[in-house]
Amino acid sequence: MASVSPAGRRASDGFGIVSIILAAFILLPALMIFLIGLAPGMNAIWWLGIVLLPIMAFLGLVIVIVGTIGIVLRVRAGRRPTLSIIGAALGILLVLPVLWVLFSTAV
């Protein structure tokens, strides 16, 4: 009976998968609010963006931290941290609009 040894299996990037799932959890509603707000009769939906902004900031920071932990652990294990890098980049993408609103001179 042939079995796969643990050394032959590829270890999954758990922190990267978690960070991507968390990013999708907040990016999809934010994108929906943005696209619906572009419709001429739906300008009243922008208040949801105000509610969503602090949630984006908090989850973005959590995602960056989880992605960074995943990158460090994968590099120390001698593996490629592709999913963790993608997750950390999505976390940064979530934090950037909040920083833009806070540091914008037009506000």
C-alpha atoms as a PDB file:
ATOM      1  CA  MET A   1       0.000   0.000   0.000  1.00  0.00           C
ATOM      2  CA  ALA A   2       1.480   3.317  -1.095  1.00  0.00           C
ATOM      3  CA  SER A   3       1.072   6.359   1.073  1.00  0.00           C
ATOM      4  CA  VAL A   4       2.244   9.905   0.773  1.00  0.00           C
ATOM      5  CA  SER A   5       4.896  10.790   3.292  1.00  0.00           C
ATOM      6  CA  PRO A   6       4.522  14.089   5.176  1.00  0.00           C
ATOM      7  CA  ALA A   7       7.777  15.320   3.654  1.00  0.00           C
ATOM      8  CA  GLY A   8       6.373  14.840   0.149  1.00  0.00           C
ATOM      9  CA  ARG A   9       3.279  16.962   0.717  1.00  0.00           C
ATOM     10  CA  ARG A  10       3.297  20.697   0.198  1.00  0.00           C
ATOM     11  CA  ALA A  11       2.416  22.673   3.284  1.00  0.00           C
ATOM     12  CA  SER A  12      -0.297  25.220   2.664  1.00  0.00           C
ATOM     13  CA  ASP A  13       0.155  28.865   3.537  1.00  0.00           C
ATOM     14  CA  GLY A  14      -2.504  29.137   6.235  1.00  0.00           C
ATOM     15  CA  PHE A  15      -1.785  32.741   7.183  1.00  0.00           C
ATOM     16  CA  GLY A  16      -1.905  33.771   3.526  1.00  0.00           C
ATOM     17  CA  ILE A  17      -5.217  32.010   2.968  1.00  0.00           C
ATOM     18  CA  VAL A  18      -6.717  33.621   6.082  1.00  0.00           C
ATOM     19  CA  SER A  19      -5.517  37.082   5.056  1.00  0.00           C
ATOM     20  CA  ILE A  20      -6.939  36.735   1.540  1.00  0.00           C
ATOM     21  CA  ILE A  21     -10.299  35.532   2.877  1.00  0.00           C
ATOM     22  CA  LEU A  22     -10.455  38.440   5.350  1.00  0.00           C
ATOM     23  CA  ALA A  23      -9.562  40.882   2.580  1.00  0.00           C
ATOM     24  CA  ALA A  24     -12.269  39.490   0.310  1.00  0.00           C
ATOM     25  CA  PHE A  25     -14.730  39.738   3.198  1.00  0.00           C
ATOM     26  CA  ILE A  26     -14.356  43.528   3.281  1.00  0.00           C
ATOM     27  CA  LEU A  27     -13.246  44.340  -0.298  1.00  0.00           C
ATOM     28  CA  LEU A  28     -16.359  42.928  -1.944  1.00  0.00           C
ATOM     29  CA  PRO A  29     -18.857  45.068   0.031  1.00  0.00           C
ATOM     30  CA  ALA A  30     -16.669  48.145  -0.452  1.00  0.00           C
ATOM     31  CA  LEU A  31     -16.555  47.553  -4.197  1.00  0.00           C
ATOM     32  CA  MET A  32     -20.323  47.021  -4.306  1.00  0.00           C
ATOM     33  CA  ILE A  33     -20.959  50.291  -2.457  1.00  0.00           C
ATOM     34  CA  PHE A  34     -18.620  52.141  -4.827  1.00  0.00           C
ATOM     35  CA  LEU A  35     -20.229  50.690  -7.961  1.00  0.00           C
ATOM     36  CA  ILE A  36     -23.792  51.209  -6.740  1.00  0.00           C
ATOM     37  CA  GLY A  37     -22.915  54.792  -5.733  1.00  0.00           C
ATOM     38  CA  LEU A  38     -21.894  55.537  -9.313  1.00  0.00           C
ATOM     39  CA  ALA A  39     -25.492  55.018 -10.488  1.00  0.00           C
ATOM     40  CA  PRO A  40     -27.278  58.382 -10.827  1.00  0.00           C
ATOM     41  CA  GLY A  41     -30.242  57.493  -8.605  1.00  0.00           C
ATOM     42  CA  MET A  42     -28.231  55.808  -5.864  1.00  0.00           C
ATOM     43  CA  ASN A  43     -26.129  58.673  -4.508  1.00  0.00           C
ATOM     44  CA  ALA A  44     -27.639  58.183  -1.040  1.00  0.00           C
ATOM     45  CA  ILE A  45     -25.674  54.957  -0.597  1.00  0.00           C
ATOM     46  CA  TRP A  46     -22.411  56.825   0.042  1.00  0.00           C
ATOM     47  CA  TRP A  47     -23.207  56.971   3.776  1.00  0.00           C
ATOM     48  CA  LEU A  48     -22.440  53.242   3.837  1.00  0.00           C
ATOM     49  CA  GLY A  49     -18.920  54.128   2.774  1.00  0.00           C
ATOM     50  CA  ILE A  50     -18.588  56.292   5.867  1.00  0.00           C
ATOM     51  CA  VAL A  51     -19.661  53.328   8.002  1.00  0.00           C
ATOM     52  CA  LEU A  52     -17.378  50.974   6.092  1.00  0.00           C
ATOM     53  CA  LEU A  53     -14.253  53.150   6.327  1.00  0.00           C
ATOM     54  CA  PRO A  54     -13.319  52.371   9.964  1.00  0.00           C
ATOM     55  CA  ILE A  55     -14.040  48.685   9.382  1.00  0.00           C
ATOM     56  CA  MET A  56     -11.729  48.780   6.359  1.00  0.00           C
ATOM     57  CA  ALA A  57      -8.989  50.411   8.425  1.00  0.00           C
ATOM     58  CA  PHE A  58      -9.219  47.913  11.279  1.00  0.00           C
ATOM     59  CA  LEU A  59      -9.421  44.813   9.099  1.00  0.00           C
ATOM     60  CA  GLY A  60      -6.722  46.188   6.804  1.00  0.00           C
ATOM     61  CA  LEU A  61      -4.312  46.460   9.728  1.00  0.00           C
ATOM     62  CA  VAL A  62      -5.258  42.965  10.930  1.00  0.00           C
ATOM     63  CA  ILE A  63      -4.703  41.587   7.426  1.00  0.00           C
ATOM     64  CA  VAL A  64      -1.304  43.283   7.126  1.00  0.00           C
ATOM     65  CA  ILE A  65      -0.256  41.799  10.471  1.00  0.00           C
ATOM     66  CA  VAL A  66      -1.481  38.305   9.570  1.00  0.00           C
ATOM     67  CA  GLY A  67       0.173  38.515   6.145  1.00  0.00           C
ATOM     68  CA  THR A  68       3.450  39.685   7.665  1.00  0.00           C
ATOM     69  CA  ILE A  69       3.424  36.822  10.157  1.00  0.00           C
ATOM     70  CA  GLY A  70       2.797  34.437   7.267  1.00  0.00           C
ATOM     71  CA  ILE A  71       5.661  35.926   5.257  1.00  0.00           C
ATOM     72  CA  VAL A  72       8.078  35.612   8.171  1.00  0.00           C
ATOM     73  CA  LEU A  73       7.077  32.036   8.959  1.00  0.00           C
ATOM     74  CA  ARG A  74       7.221  30.901   5.326  1.00  0.00           C
ATOM     75  CA  VAL A  75      10.630  32.502   4.735  1.00  0.00           C
ATOM     76  CA  ARG A  76      12.008  30.953   7.921  1.00  0.00           C
ATOM     77  CA  ALA A  77      10.711  27.562   6.754  1.00  0.00           C
ATOM     78  CA  GLY A  78      12.430  28.024   3.388  1.00  0.00           C
ATOM     79  CA  ARG A  79       9.194  28.168   1.381  1.00  0.00           C
ATOM     80  CA  ARG A  80       7.730  30.767  -0.945  1.00  0.00           C
ATOM     81  CA  PRO A  81       5.242  33.099   0.814  1.00  0.00           C
ATOM     82  CA  THR A  82       3.170  33.921  -2.276  1.00  0.00           C
ATOM     83  CA  LEU A  83      -0.275  33.901  -0.644  1.00  0.00           C
ATOM     84  CA  SER A  84       0.954  35.820   2.394  1.00  0.00           C
ATOM     85  CA  ILE A  85       2.436  38.506   0.146  1.00  0.00           C
ATOM     86  CA  ILE A  86      -0.852  38.786  -1.756  1.00  0.00           C
ATOM     87  CA  GLY A  87      -2.758  38.998   1.543  1.00  0.00           C
ATOM     88  CA  ALA A  88      -0.459  41.694   2.933  1.00  0.00           C
ATOM     89  CA  ALA A  89      -0.789  43.671  -0.308  1.00  0.00           C
ATOM     90  CA  LEU A  90      -4.593  43.462  -0.099  1.00  0.00           C
ATOM     91  CA  GLY A  91      -4.386  44.665   3.506  1.00  0.00           C
ATOM     92  CA  ILE A  92      -2.346  47.661   2.400  1.00  0.00           C
ATOM     93  CA  LEU A  93      -4.919  48.255  -0.331  1.00  0.00           C
ATOM     94  CA  LEU A  94      -7.592  48.431   2.373  1.00  0.00           C
ATOM     95  CA  VAL A  95      -5.628  50.892   4.520  1.00  0.00           C
ATOM     96  CA  LEU A  96      -4.736  53.283   1.673  1.00  0.00           C
ATOM     97  CA  PRO A  97      -8.231  54.839   1.205  1.00  0.00           C
ATOM     98  CA  VAL A  98      -8.424  55.537   4.923  1.00  0.00           C
ATOM     99  CA  LEU A  99      -5.023  57.226   4.883  1.00  0.00           C
ATOM    100  CA  TRP A 100      -6.043  59.183   1.797  1.00  0.00           C
ATOM    101  CA  VAL A 101      -9.156  60.494   3.555  1.00  0.00           C
ATOM    102  CA  LEU A 102      -7.239  61.345   6.722  1.00  0.00           C
ATOM    103  CA  PHE A 103      -4.323  63.127   5.048  1.00  0.00           C
ATOM    104  CA  SER A 104      -6.103  64.675   2.077  1.00  0.00           C
ATOM    105  CA  THR A 105      -5.971  68.463   1.840  1.00  0.00           C
ATOM    106  CA  ALA A 106      -9.305  68.614  -0.005  1.00  0.00           C
ATOM    107  CA  VAL A 107     -11.335  67.437   2.997  1.00  0.00           C
END
